[in-house]
PDB file of all heavy atoms in Angstrom:
ATOM      1  N   ILE A   1       0.836  -1.206   0.000  1.00  0.00           N
ATOM      2  CA  ILE A   1       0.000   0.000   0.000  1.00  0.00           C
ATOM      3  C   ILE A   1       0.867   1.251   0.000  1.00  0.00           C
ATOM      4  O   ILE A   1       0.607   2.215  -0.723  1.00  0.00           O
ATOM      5  CB  ILE A   1      -0.950   0.000   1.212  1.00  0.00           C
ATOM      6  CG1 ILE A   1      -1.874  -1.208   1.152  1.00  0.00           C
ATOM      7  CG2 ILE A   1      -1.753   1.283   1.282  1.00  0.00           C
ATOM      8  CD1 ILE A   1      -2.829  -1.305   2.316  1.00  0.00           C
ATOM      9  N   ILE A   2       1.937   1.227   0.800  1.00  0.00           N
ATOM     10  CA  ILE A   2       2.816   2.387   0.887  1.00  0.00           C
ATOM     11  C   ILE A   2       3.554   2.605  -0.425  1.00  0.00           C
ATOM     12  O   ILE A   2       3.587   3.717  -0.952  1.00  0.00           O
ATOM     13  CB  ILE A   2       3.815   2.205   2.042  1.00  0.00           C
ATOM     14  CG1 ILE A   2       3.063   2.004   3.361  1.00  0.00           C
ATOM     15  CG2 ILE A   2       4.759   3.398   2.143  1.00  0.00           C
ATOM     16  CD1 ILE A   2       3.939   1.612   4.518  1.00  0.00           C
ATOM     17  N   SER A   3       4.155   1.539  -0.959  1.00  0.00           N
ATOM     18  CA  SER A   3       4.895   1.680  -2.215  1.00  0.00           C
ATOM     19  C   SER A   3       3.959   2.069  -3.356  1.00  0.00           C
ATOM     20  O   SER A   3       4.314   2.890  -4.202  1.00  0.00           O
ATOM     21  CB  SER A   3       5.620   0.375  -2.545  1.00  0.00           C
ATOM     22  OG  SER A   3       4.698  -0.666  -2.781  1.00  0.00           O
ATOM     23  N   THR A   4       2.762   1.506  -3.363  1.00  0.00           N
ATOM     24  CA  THR A   4       1.799   1.844  -4.416  1.00  0.00           C
ATOM     25  C   THR A   4       1.380   3.300  -4.318  1.00  0.00           C
ATOM     26  O   THR A   4       1.257   3.990  -5.342  1.00  0.00           O
ATOM     27  CB  THR A   4       0.558   0.937  -4.323  1.00  0.00           C
ATOM     28  OG1 THR A   4       0.944  -0.426  -4.472  1.00  0.00           O
ATOM     29  CG2 THR A   4      -0.457   1.299  -5.409  1.00  0.00           C
ATOM     30  N   GLY A   5       1.157   3.784  -3.094  1.00  0.00           N
ATOM     31  CA  GLY A   5       0.767   5.178  -2.917  1.00  0.00           C
ATOM     32  C   GLY A   5       1.823   6.141  -3.417  1.00  0.00           C
ATOM     33  O   GLY A   5       1.515   7.133  -4.100  1.00  0.00           O
ATOM     34  N   VAL A   6       3.084   5.868  -3.097  1.00  0.00           N
ATOM     35  CA  VAL A   6       4.173   6.744  -3.535  1.00  0.00           C
ATOM     36  C   VAL A   6       4.336   6.688  -5.052  1.00  0.00           C
ATOM     37  O   VAL A   6       4.429   7.727  -5.721  1.00  0.00           O
ATOM     38  CB  VAL A   6       5.490   6.341  -2.835  1.00  0.00           C
ATOM     39  CG1 VAL A   6       6.652   7.148  -3.397  1.00  0.00           C
ATOM     40  CG2 VAL A   6       5.380   6.546  -1.327  1.00  0.00           C
ATOM     41  N   LEU A   7       4.369   5.470  -5.611  1.00  0.00           N
ATOM     42  CA  LEU A   7       4.536   5.325  -7.056  1.00  0.00           C
ATOM     43  C   LEU A   7       3.313   5.819  -7.822  1.00  0.00           C
ATOM     44  O   LEU A   7       3.435   6.307  -8.952  1.00  0.00           O
ATOM     45  CB  LEU A   7       4.810   3.856  -7.399  1.00  0.00           C
ATOM     46  CG  LEU A   7       6.141   3.311  -6.873  1.00  0.00           C
ATOM     47  CD1 LEU A   7       6.207   1.801  -7.054  1.00  0.00           C
ATOM     48  CD2 LEU A   7       7.311   3.985  -7.568  1.00  0.00           C
ATOM     49  N   TYR A   8       2.143   5.692  -7.210  1.00  0.00           N
ATOM     50  CA  TYR A   8       0.907   6.201  -7.812  1.00  0.00           C
ATOM     51  C   TYR A   8       1.011   7.711  -8.025  1.00  0.00           C
ATOM     52  O   TYR A   8       0.584   8.244  -9.041  1.00  0.00           O
ATOM     53  CB  TYR A   8      -0.256   5.870  -6.887  1.00  0.00           C
ATOM     54  CG  TYR A   8      -1.630   6.010  -7.485  1.00  0.00           C
ATOM     55  CD1 TYR A   8      -2.143   5.044  -8.342  1.00  0.00           C
ATOM     56  CD2 TYR A   8      -2.431   7.104  -7.177  1.00  0.00           C
ATOM     57  CE1 TYR A   8      -3.414   5.160  -8.881  1.00  0.00           C
ATOM     58  CE2 TYR A   8      -3.708   7.226  -7.704  1.00  0.00           C
ATOM     59  CZ  TYR A   8      -4.190   6.257  -8.558  1.00  0.00           C
ATOM     60  OH  TYR A   8      -5.454   6.387  -9.089  1.00  0.00           O
ATOM     61  N   ARG A   9       1.604   8.386  -7.027  1.00  0.00           N
ATOM     62  CA  ARG A   9       1.777   9.840  -7.099  1.00  0.00           C
ATOM     63  C   ARG A   9       2.853  10.210  -8.120  1.00  0.00           C
ATOM     64  O   ARG A   9       2.712  11.184  -8.867  1.00  0.00           O
ATOM     65  CB  ARG A   9       2.166  10.384  -5.718  1.00  0.00           C
ATOM     66  CG  ARG A   9       2.454  11.881  -5.675  1.00  0.00           C
ATOM     67  CD  ARG A   9       1.179  12.678  -5.890  1.00  0.00           C
ATOM     68  NE  ARG A   9       1.412  14.108  -5.803  1.00  0.00           N
ATOM     69  CZ  ARG A   9       1.769  14.869  -6.836  1.00  0.00           C
ATOM     70  NH1 ARG A   9       1.914  14.327  -8.037  1.00  0.00           N
ATOM     71  NH2 ARG A   9       1.965  16.151  -6.681  1.00  0.00           N
ATOM     72  N   ILE A  10       3.944   9.439  -8.179  1.00  0.00           N
ATOM     73  CA  ILE A  10       5.072   9.773  -9.047  1.00  0.00           C
ATOM     74  C   ILE A  10       4.774   9.444 -10.506  1.00  0.00           C
ATOM     75  O   ILE A  10       4.994  10.277 -11.398  1.00  0.00           O
ATOM     76  CB  ILE A  10       6.338   9.022  -8.593  1.00  0.00           C
ATOM     77  CG1 ILE A  10       6.753   9.497  -7.195  1.00  0.00           C
ATOM     78  CG2 ILE A  10       7.479   9.238  -9.580  1.00  0.00           C
ATOM     79  CD1 ILE A  10       7.911   8.720  -6.604  1.00  0.00           C
ATOM     80  N   ILE A  11       4.262   8.243 -10.769  1.00  0.00           N
ATOM     81  CA  ILE A  11       4.094   7.779 -12.148  1.00  0.00           C
ATOM     82  C   ILE A  11       2.825   8.330 -12.792  1.00  0.00           C
ATOM     83  O   ILE A  11       2.849   8.866 -13.899  1.00  0.00           O
ATOM     84  CB  ILE A  11       4.092   6.239 -12.202  1.00  0.00           C
ATOM     85  CG1 ILE A  11       5.443   5.697 -11.714  1.00  0.00           C
ATOM     86  CG2 ILE A  11       3.804   5.744 -13.617  1.00  0.00           C
ATOM     87  CD1 ILE A  11       5.516   4.187 -11.659  1.00  0.00           C
ATOM     88  N   LEU A  12       1.698   8.199 -12.087  1.00  0.00           N
ATOM     89  CA  LEU A  12       0.423   8.627 -12.660  1.00  0.00           C
ATOM     90  C   LEU A  12       0.095  10.089 -12.378  1.00  0.00           C
ATOM     91  O   LEU A  12      -0.922  10.601 -12.851  1.00  0.00           O
ATOM     92  CB  LEU A  12      -0.710   7.734 -12.126  1.00  0.00           C
ATOM     93  CG  LEU A  12      -0.639   6.261 -12.524  1.00  0.00           C
ATOM     94  CD1 LEU A  12      -1.844   5.500 -11.971  1.00  0.00           C
ATOM     95  CD2 LEU A  12      -0.565   6.099 -14.031  1.00  0.00           C
ATOM     96  N   LYS A  13       0.930  10.748 -11.563  1.00  0.00           N
ATOM     97  CA  LYS A  13       0.751  12.178 -11.251  1.00  0.00           C
ATOM     98  C   LYS A  13      -0.597  12.475 -10.607  1.00  0.00           C
ATOM     99  O   LYS A  13      -1.185  13.539 -10.811  1.00  0.00           O
ATOM    100  CB  LYS A  13       0.895  13.028 -12.530  1.00  0.00           C
ATOM    101  CG  LYS A  13       2.135  12.759 -13.346  1.00  0.00           C
ATOM    102  CD  LYS A  13       3.401  13.090 -12.603  1.00  0.00           C
ATOM    103  CE  LYS A  13       4.630  12.876 -13.473  1.00  0.00           C
ATOM    104  NZ  LYS A  13       5.887  13.144 -12.748  1.00  0.00           N
ATOM    105  N   LYS A  14      -1.099  11.512  -9.827  1.00  0.00           N
ATOM    106  CA  LYS A  14      -2.375  11.701  -9.154  1.00  0.00           C
ATOM    107  C   LYS A  14      -2.139  12.005  -7.686  1.00  0.00           C
ATOM    108  O   LYS A  14      -1.445  11.282  -6.991  1.00  0.00           O
ATOM    109  CB  LYS A  14      -3.257  10.459  -9.305  1.00  0.00           C
ATOM    110  CG  LYS A  14      -3.699  10.218 -10.740  1.00  0.00           C
ATOM    111  CD  LYS A  14      -4.696   9.082 -10.835  1.00  0.00           C
ATOM    112  CE  LYS A  14      -5.177   8.889 -12.264  1.00  0.00           C
ATOM    113  NZ  LYS A  14      -6.167   7.790 -12.385  1.00  0.00           N
ATOM    114  N   LYS A  15      -2.736  13.088  -7.219  1.00  0.00           N
ATOM    115  CA  LYS A  15      -2.524  13.543  -5.850  1.00  0.00           C
ATOM    116  C   LYS A  15      -3.400  12.752  -4.886  1.00  0.00           C
ATOM    117  O   LYS A  15      -4.593  12.563  -5.118  1.00  0.00           O
ATOM    118  CB  LYS A  15      -2.844  15.033  -5.750  1.00  0.00           C
ATOM    119  CG  LYS A  15      -2.519  15.625  -4.388  1.00  0.00           C
ATOM    120  CD  LYS A  15      -2.792  17.125  -4.372  1.00  0.00           C
ATOM    121  CE  LYS A  15      -2.444  17.709  -3.007  1.00  0.00           C
ATOM    122  NZ  LYS A  15      -2.700  19.177  -2.962  1.00  0.00           N
ATOM    123  N   LEU A  16      -2.800  12.307  -3.805  1.00  0.00           N
ATOM    124  CA  LEU A  16      -3.530  11.616  -2.752  1.00  0.00           C
ATOM    125  C   LEU A  16      -3.908  12.596  -1.654  1.00  0.00           C
ATOM    126  O   LEU A  16      -3.187  13.551  -1.381  1.00  0.00           O
ATOM    127  CB  LEU A  16      -2.678  10.473  -2.174  1.00  0.00           C
ATOM    128  CG  LEU A  16      -2.236   9.391  -3.161  1.00  0.00           C
ATOM    129  CD1 LEU A  16      -1.331   8.384  -2.465  1.00  0.00           C
ATOM    130  CD2 LEU A  16      -3.429   8.684  -3.767  1.00  0.00           C
ATOM    131  N   SER A  17      -5.039  12.349  -1.028  1.00  0.00           N
ATOM    132  CA  SER A  17      -5.509  13.250   0.016  1.00  0.00           C
ATOM    133  C   SER A  17      -4.690  13.072   1.290  1.00  0.00           C
ATOM    134  O   SER A  17      -3.963  12.086   1.469  1.00  0.00           O
ATOM    135  CB  SER A  17      -6.987  12.977   0.305  1.00  0.00           C
ATOM    136  OG  SER A  17      -7.146  11.677   0.866  1.00  0.00           O
ATOM    137  N   GLU A  18      -4.818  14.040   2.200  1.00  0.00           N
ATOM    138  CA  GLU A  18      -4.108  13.959   3.474  1.00  0.00           C
ATOM    139  C   GLU A  18      -4.589  12.767   4.290  1.00  0.00           C
ATOM    140  O   GLU A  18      -3.803  12.146   5.021  1.00  0.00           O
ATOM    141  CB  GLU A  18      -4.310  15.256   4.258  1.00  0.00           C
ATOM    142  CG  GLU A  18      -3.684  16.485   3.594  1.00  0.00           C
ATOM    143  CD  GLU A  18      -3.915  17.749   4.404  1.00  0.00           C
ATOM    144  OE1 GLU A  18      -4.606  17.659   5.449  1.00  0.00           O
ATOM    145  OE2 GLU A  18      -3.406  18.813   4.008  1.00  0.00           O
ATOM    146  N   ILE A  19      -5.858  12.440   4.168  1.00  0.00           N
ATOM    147  CA  ILE A  19      -6.397  11.278   4.889  1.00  0.00           C
ATOM    148  C   ILE A  19      -5.758   9.990   4.380  1.00  0.00           C
ATOM    149  O   ILE A  19      -5.438   9.089   5.163  1.00  0.00           O
ATOM    150  CB  ILE A  19      -7.933  11.216   4.731  1.00  0.00           C
ATOM    151  CG1 ILE A  19      -8.578  12.439   5.399  1.00  0.00           C
ATOM    152  CG2 ILE A  19      -8.489   9.925   5.323  1.00  0.00           C
ATOM    153  CD1 ILE A  19     -10.076  12.490   5.258  1.00  0.00           C
ATOM    154  N   GLN A  20      -5.552   9.894   3.064  1.00  0.00           N
ATOM    155  CA  GLN A  20      -4.930   8.699   2.503  1.00  0.00           C
ATOM    156  C   GLN A  20      -3.486   8.547   2.957  1.00  0.00           C
ATOM    157  O   GLN A  20      -3.034   7.456   3.302  1.00  0.00           O
ATOM    158  CB  GLN A  20      -5.012   8.744   0.971  1.00  0.00           C
ATOM    159  CG  GLN A  20      -6.407   8.511   0.426  1.00  0.00           C
ATOM    160  CD  GLN A  20      -6.475   8.677  -1.077  1.00  0.00           C
ATOM    161  OE1 GLN A  20      -5.944   9.639  -1.629  1.00  0.00           O
ATOM    162  NE2 GLN A  20      -7.119   7.741  -1.751  1.00  0.00           N
ATOM    163  N   TRP A  21      -2.735   9.677   2.993  1.00  0.00           N
ATOM    164  CA  TRP A  21      -1.349   9.609   3.467  1.00  0.00           C
ATOM    165  C   TRP A  21      -1.304   9.248   4.950  1.00  0.00           C
ATOM    166  O   TRP A  21      -0.423   8.493   5.392  1.00  0.00           O
ATOM    167  CB  TRP A  21      -0.642  10.936   3.236  1.00  0.00           C
ATOM    168  CG  TRP A  21      -0.246  11.179   1.814  1.00  0.00           C
ATOM    169  CD1 TRP A  21      -0.685  12.164   0.989  1.00  0.00           C
ATOM    170  CD2 TRP A  21       0.679  10.404   1.038  1.00  0.00           C
ATOM    171  NE1 TRP A  21      -0.099  12.056  -0.247  1.00  0.00           N
ATOM    172  CE2 TRP A  21       0.745  10.988  -0.247  1.00  0.00           C
ATOM    173  CE3 TRP A  21       1.453   9.266   1.305  1.00  0.00           C
ATOM    174  CZ2 TRP A  21       1.554  10.480  -1.256  1.00  0.00           C
ATOM    175  CZ3 TRP A  21       2.255   8.762   0.302  1.00  0.00           C
ATOM    176  CH2 TRP A  21       2.311   9.357  -0.959  1.00  0.00           C
ATOM    177  N   ALA A  22      -2.246   9.788   5.716  1.00  0.00           N
ATOM    178  CA  ALA A  22      -2.307   9.442   7.141  1.00  0.00           C
ATOM    179  C   ALA A  22      -2.591   7.955   7.323  1.00  0.00           C
ATOM    180  O   ALA A  22      -2.043   7.300   8.227  1.00  0.00           O
ATOM    181  CB  ALA A  22      -3.375  10.282   7.835  1.00  0.00           C
ATOM    182  N   ALA A  23      -3.429   7.406   6.454  1.00  0.00           N
ATOM    183  CA  ALA A  23      -3.733   5.975   6.517  1.00  0.00           C
ATOM    184  C   ALA A  23      -2.491   5.143   6.221  1.00  0.00           C
ATOM    185  O   ALA A  23      -2.284   4.087   6.825  1.00  0.00           O
ATOM    186  CB  ALA A  23      -4.850   5.637   5.524  1.00  0.00           C
ATOM    187  N   PHE A  24      -1.644   5.618   5.306  1.00  0.00           N
ATOM    188  CA  PHE A  24      -0.402   4.908   5.007  1.00  0.00           C
ATOM    189  C   PHE A  24       0.518   4.868   6.226  1.00  0.00           C
ATOM    190  O   PHE A  24       1.142   3.844   6.526  1.00  0.00           O
ATOM    191  CB  PHE A  24       0.328   5.580   3.839  1.00  0.00           C
ATOM    192  CG  PHE A  24      -0.415   5.477   2.535  1.00  0.00           C
ATOM    193  CD1 PHE A  24      -0.172   6.375   1.520  1.00  0.00           C
ATOM    194  CD2 PHE A  24      -1.343   4.471   2.321  1.00  0.00           C
ATOM    195  CE1 PHE A  24      -0.843   6.288   0.311  1.00  0.00           C
ATOM    196  CE2 PHE A  24      -2.021   4.365   1.124  1.00  0.00           C
ATOM    197  CZ  PHE A  24      -1.771   5.277   0.117  1.00  0.00           C
ATOM    198  N   ILE A  25       0.608   5.992   6.937  1.00  0.00           N
ATOM    199  CA  ILE A  25       1.462   6.055   8.130  1.00  0.00           C
ATOM    200  C   ILE A  25       0.933   5.130   9.215  1.00  0.00           C
ATOM    201  O   ILE A  25       1.696   4.406   9.871  1.00  0.00           O
ATOM    202  CB  ILE A  25       1.542   7.505   8.645  1.00  0.00           C
ATOM    203  CG1 ILE A  25       2.220   8.393   7.591  1.00  0.00           C
ATOM    204  CG2 ILE A  25       2.313   7.571   9.974  1.00  0.00           C
ATOM    205  CD1 ILE A  25       2.233   9.865   7.947  1.00  0.00           C
ATOM    206  N   LEU A  26      -0.371   5.139   9.410  1.00  0.00           N
ATOM    207  CA  LEU A  26      -0.973   4.242  10.397  1.00  0.00           C
ATOM    208  C   LEU A  26      -0.746   2.788  10.025  1.00  0.00           C
ATOM    209  O   LEU A  26      -0.560   1.923  10.897  1.00  0.00           O
ATOM    210  CB  LEU A  26      -2.478   4.526  10.509  1.00  0.00           C
ATOM    211  CG  LEU A  26      -2.866   5.837  11.183  1.00  0.00           C
ATOM    212  CD1 LEU A  26      -4.376   6.033  11.109  1.00  0.00           C
ATOM    213  CD2 LEU A  26      -2.404   5.856  12.631  1.00  0.00           C
ATOM    214  N   LEU A  27      -0.742   2.502   8.738  1.00  0.00           N
ATOM    215  CA  LEU A  27      -0.506   1.127   8.295  1.00  0.00           C
ATOM    216  C   LEU A  27       0.918   0.691   8.623  1.00  0.00           C
ATOM    217  O   LEU A  27       1.146  -0.456   9.027  1.00  0.00           O
ATOM    218  CB  LEU A  27      -0.756   1.019   6.796  1.00  0.00           C
ATOM    219  CG  LEU A  27      -0.620  -0.382   6.190  1.00  0.00           C
ATOM    220  CD1 LEU A  27      -1.577  -1.357   6.852  1.00  0.00           C
ATOM    221  CD2 LEU A  27      -0.872  -0.334   4.699  1.00  0.00           C
ATOM    222  N   CYS A  28       1.892   1.601   8.464  1.00  0.00           N
ATOM    223  CA  CYS A  28       3.278   1.287   8.838  1.00  0.00           C
ATOM    224  C   CYS A  28       3.358   0.947  10.321  1.00  0.00           C
ATOM    225  O   CYS A  28       4.025  -0.020  10.722  1.00  0.00           O
ATOM    226  CB  CYS A  28       4.187   2.474   8.546  1.00  0.00           C
ATOM    227  SG  CYS A  28       4.642   2.674   6.829  1.00  0.00           S
ATOM    228  N   ALA A  29       2.679   1.754  11.142  1.00  0.00           N
ATOM    229  CA  ALA A  29       2.678   1.494  12.579  1.00  0.00           C
ATOM    230  C   ALA A  29       2.022   0.154  12.884  1.00  0.00           C
ATOM    231  O   ALA A  29       2.478  -0.604  13.755  1.00  0.00           O
ATOM    232  CB  ALA A  29       1.948   2.621  13.306  1.00  0.00           C
ATOM    233  N   GLY A  30       0.956  -0.166  12.151  1.00  0.00           N
ATOM    234  CA  GLY A  30       0.270  -1.439  12.364  1.00  0.00           C
ATOM    235  C   GLY A  30       1.136  -2.624  11.983  1.00  0.00           C
ATOM    236  O   GLY A  30       1.169  -3.637  12.681  1.00  0.00           O
ATOM    237  N   CYS A  31       1.872  -2.475  10.860  1.00  0.00           N
ATOM    238  CA  CYS A  31       2.768  -3.555  10.428  1.00  0.00           C
ATOM    239  C   CYS A  31       3.830  -3.840  11.485  1.00  0.00           C
ATOM    240  O   CYS A  31       4.143  -4.990  11.791  1.00  0.00           O
ATOM    241  CB  CYS A  31       3.442  -3.189   9.108  1.00  0.00           C
ATOM    242  SG  CYS A  31       2.332  -3.173   7.686  1.00  0.00           S
ATOM    243  N   THR A  32       4.398  -2.766  12.059  1.00  0.00           N
ATOM    244  CA  THR A  32       5.442  -2.935  13.073  1.00  0.00           C
ATOM    245  C   THR A  32       4.874  -3.525  14.351  1.00  0.00           C
ATOM    246  O   THR A  32       5.449  -4.434  14.956  1.00  0.00           O
ATOM    247  CB  THR A  32       6.103  -1.582  13.374  1.00  0.00           C
ATOM    248  OG1 THR A  32       6.596  -1.018  12.161  1.00  0.00           O
ATOM    249  CG2 THR A  32       7.260  -1.759  14.350  1.00  0.00           C
ATOM    250  N   THR A  33       3.712  -3.034  14.773  1.00  0.00           N
ATOM    251  CA  THR A  33       3.090  -3.521  16.006  1.00  0.00           C
ATOM    252  C   THR A  33       2.759  -4.998  15.912  1.00  0.00           C
ATOM    253  O   THR A  33       2.976  -5.759  16.861  1.00  0.00           O
ATOM    254  CB  THR A  33       1.800  -2.730  16.296  1.00  0.00           C
ATOM    255  OG1 THR A  33       2.112  -1.344  16.415  1.00  0.00           O
ATOM    256  CG2 THR A  33       1.153  -3.218  17.586  1.00  0.00           C
TER     257      THR A  33
END
């Protein structure tokens, strides 16, 4: 999800919302926990 979100922004030039980026960060925390 994280890699797709970053590459989605870089390759397809589509902007993600702040809520979506926050969800990515929470997912990282969930993976570690």
